[in-house]
Amino acid sequence: MSICPFCKCDSYEYVDVGIGRVPVAVVCCDLGIMLDSKDKTASKFAWKILQLQRSHSPRKKARAKRMIEQMERDES
C-alpha cells in the first residue's frame, strides 16, 4: 500500500485473486502518476512541486501552487 503525497490516497486499486489482494491499476492524481513516470522530465517536475510544497517558506508553497495551476491550464 502506497500513499500519494499529493492527493493522500492509496495509489492503486486492489483485486482479490483468491490468495490475497493484488494491485491491478493505478488510480491516482496526475502528479502522483508523474512521480513514478519513466519520463525523466515529468518525474523531475513532480518531485520539484513536492519539494516546494514540503518547504516551510510561504513563497515556495505559493510557487508550487502556481506550477500546479499552470500544469492544469496547459492540459486543457
C-alpha atoms as a PDB file:
ATOM      1  CA  MET A   1       0.000   0.000   0.000  1.00  0.00           C
ATOM      2  CA  SER A   2       1.484   3.309  -1.060  1.00  0.00           C
ATOM      3  CA  ILE A   3       0.054   6.703  -0.276  1.00  0.00           C
ATOM      4  CA  CYS A   4       0.312   9.511  -2.823  1.00  0.00           C
ATOM      5  CA  PRO A   5       1.936  12.612  -1.285  1.00  0.00           C
ATOM      6  CA  PHE A   6      -0.310  14.891  -3.369  1.00  0.00           C
ATOM      7  CA  CYS A   7      -3.842  13.504  -3.031  1.00  0.00           C
ATOM      8  CA  LYS A   8      -3.184  11.488   0.178  1.00  0.00           C
ATOM      9  CA  CYS A   9      -4.984   8.452  -1.277  1.00  0.00           C
ATOM     10  CA  ASP A  10      -3.841   4.920  -1.967  1.00  0.00           C
ATOM     11  CA  SER A  11      -2.259   4.920  -5.418  1.00  0.00           C
ATOM     12  CA  TYR A  12      -3.586   1.520  -6.516  1.00  0.00           C
ATOM     13  CA  GLU A  13      -6.851  -0.318  -6.959  1.00  0.00           C
ATOM     14  CA  TYR A  14      -6.712  -3.798  -5.445  1.00  0.00           C
ATOM     15  CA  VAL A  15      -8.467  -7.001  -6.535  1.00  0.00           C
ATOM     16  CA  ASP A  16      -8.874 -10.201  -4.539  1.00  0.00           C
ATOM     17  CA  VAL A  17      -7.280 -13.066  -6.502  1.00  0.00           C
ATOM     18  CA  GLY A  18      -8.033 -15.852  -4.033  1.00  0.00           C
ATOM     19  CA  ILE A  19      -4.799 -15.766  -2.053  1.00  0.00           C
ATOM     20  CA  GLY A  20      -4.796 -12.071  -1.247  1.00  0.00           C
ATOM     21  CA  ARG A  21      -5.302  -8.650  -2.691  1.00  0.00           C
ATOM     22  CA  VAL A  22      -3.112  -7.597  -5.618  1.00  0.00           C
ATOM     23  CA  PRO A  23      -2.683  -4.083  -7.060  1.00  0.00           C
ATOM     24  CA  VAL A  24      -4.039  -4.048 -10.619  1.00  0.00           C
ATOM     25  CA  ALA A  25      -4.492  -0.415 -11.647  1.00  0.00           C
ATOM     26  CA  VAL A  26      -3.116   2.998 -10.785  1.00  0.00           C
ATOM     27  CA  VAL A  27      -5.910   5.273  -9.589  1.00  0.00           C
ATOM     28  CA  CYS A  28      -4.049   8.365  -8.510  1.00  0.00           C
ATOM     29  CA  CYS A  29      -3.878  12.039  -9.390  1.00  0.00           C
ATOM     30  CA  ASP A  30      -1.781  13.203 -12.356  1.00  0.00           C
ATOM     31  CA  LEU A  31       1.093  14.389 -10.186  1.00  0.00           C
ATOM     32  CA  GLY A  32       1.173  11.068  -8.324  1.00  0.00           C
ATOM     33  CA  ILE A  33       1.416   9.224 -11.623  1.00  0.00           C
ATOM     34  CA  MET A  34       4.129  11.614 -12.795  1.00  0.00           C
ATOM     35  CA  LEU A  35       6.260  10.771  -9.727  1.00  0.00           C
ATOM     36  CA  ASP A  36       6.687   7.185 -10.917  1.00  0.00           C
ATOM     37  CA  SER A  37       6.850   8.078 -14.598  1.00  0.00           C
ATOM     38  CA  LYS A  38       9.657   6.774 -16.775  1.00  0.00           C
ATOM     39  CA  ASP A  39       9.725  10.211 -18.419  1.00  0.00           C
ATOM     40  CA  LYS A  40      12.518  11.972 -16.531  1.00  0.00           C
ATOM     41  CA  THR A  41      11.199  15.470 -17.263  1.00  0.00           C
ATOM     42  CA  ALA A  42       7.743  14.697 -15.856  1.00  0.00           C
ATOM     43  CA  SER A  43       9.220  12.943 -12.851  1.00  0.00           C
ATOM     44  CA  LYS A  44      11.566  15.846 -12.053  1.00  0.00           C
ATOM     45  CA  PHE A  45       8.667  18.303 -12.399  1.00  0.00           C
ATOM     46  CA  ALA A  46       6.538  16.340  -9.915  1.00  0.00           C
ATOM     47  CA  TRP A  47       9.418  15.966  -7.435  1.00  0.00           C
ATOM     48  CA  LYS A  48      10.124  19.726  -7.676  1.00  0.00           C
ATOM     49  CA  ILE A  49       6.486  20.521  -6.833  1.00  0.00           C
ATOM     50  CA  LEU A  50       6.575  18.063  -3.935  1.00  0.00           C
ATOM     51  CA  GLN A  51       9.787  19.619  -2.630  1.00  0.00           C
ATOM     52  CA  LEU A  52       8.296  23.119  -2.820  1.00  0.00           C
ATOM     53  CA  GLN A  53       5.078  22.012  -1.075  1.00  0.00           C
ATOM     54  CA  ARG A  54       7.032  20.470   1.806  1.00  0.00           C
ATOM     55  CA  SER A  55       9.022  23.668   2.369  1.00  0.00           C
ATOM     56  CA  HIS A  56       8.303  25.937   5.339  1.00  0.00           C
ATOM     57  CA  SER A  57       8.511  29.017   3.125  1.00  0.00           C
ATOM     58  CA  PRO A  58       5.156  30.515   2.083  1.00  0.00           C
ATOM     59  CA  ARG A  59       6.770  31.759  -1.145  1.00  0.00           C
ATOM     60  CA  LYS A  60       7.855  28.261  -2.130  1.00  0.00           C
ATOM     61  CA  LYS A  61       4.395  26.880  -1.340  1.00  0.00           C
ATOM     62  CA  ALA A  62       2.827  29.596  -3.484  1.00  0.00           C
ATOM     63  CA  ARG A  63       5.243  28.752  -6.306  1.00  0.00           C
ATOM     64  CA  ALA A  64       4.213  25.086  -6.110  1.00  0.00           C
ATOM     65  CA  LYS A  65       0.563  26.127  -6.324  1.00  0.00           C
ATOM     66  CA  ARG A  66       1.287  28.293  -9.380  1.00  0.00           C
ATOM     67  CA  MET A  67       3.141  25.407 -11.046  1.00  0.00           C
ATOM     68  CA  ILE A  68       0.165  23.094 -10.480  1.00  0.00           C
ATOM     69  CA  GLU A  69      -2.259  25.701 -11.854  1.00  0.00           C
ATOM     70  CA  GLN A  70      -0.033  26.213 -14.901  1.00  0.00           C
ATOM     71  CA  MET A  71       0.060  22.465 -15.497  1.00  0.00           C
ATOM     72  CA  GLU A  72      -3.751  22.269 -15.305  1.00  0.00           C
ATOM     73  CA  ARG A  73      -4.110  25.169 -17.770  1.00  0.00           C
ATOM     74  CA  ASP A  74      -1.697  23.511 -20.219  1.00  0.00           C
ATOM     75  CA  GLU A  75      -3.726  20.282 -20.138  1.00  0.00           C
ATOM     76  CA  SER A  76      -6.988  21.936 -21.108  1.00  0.00           C
END
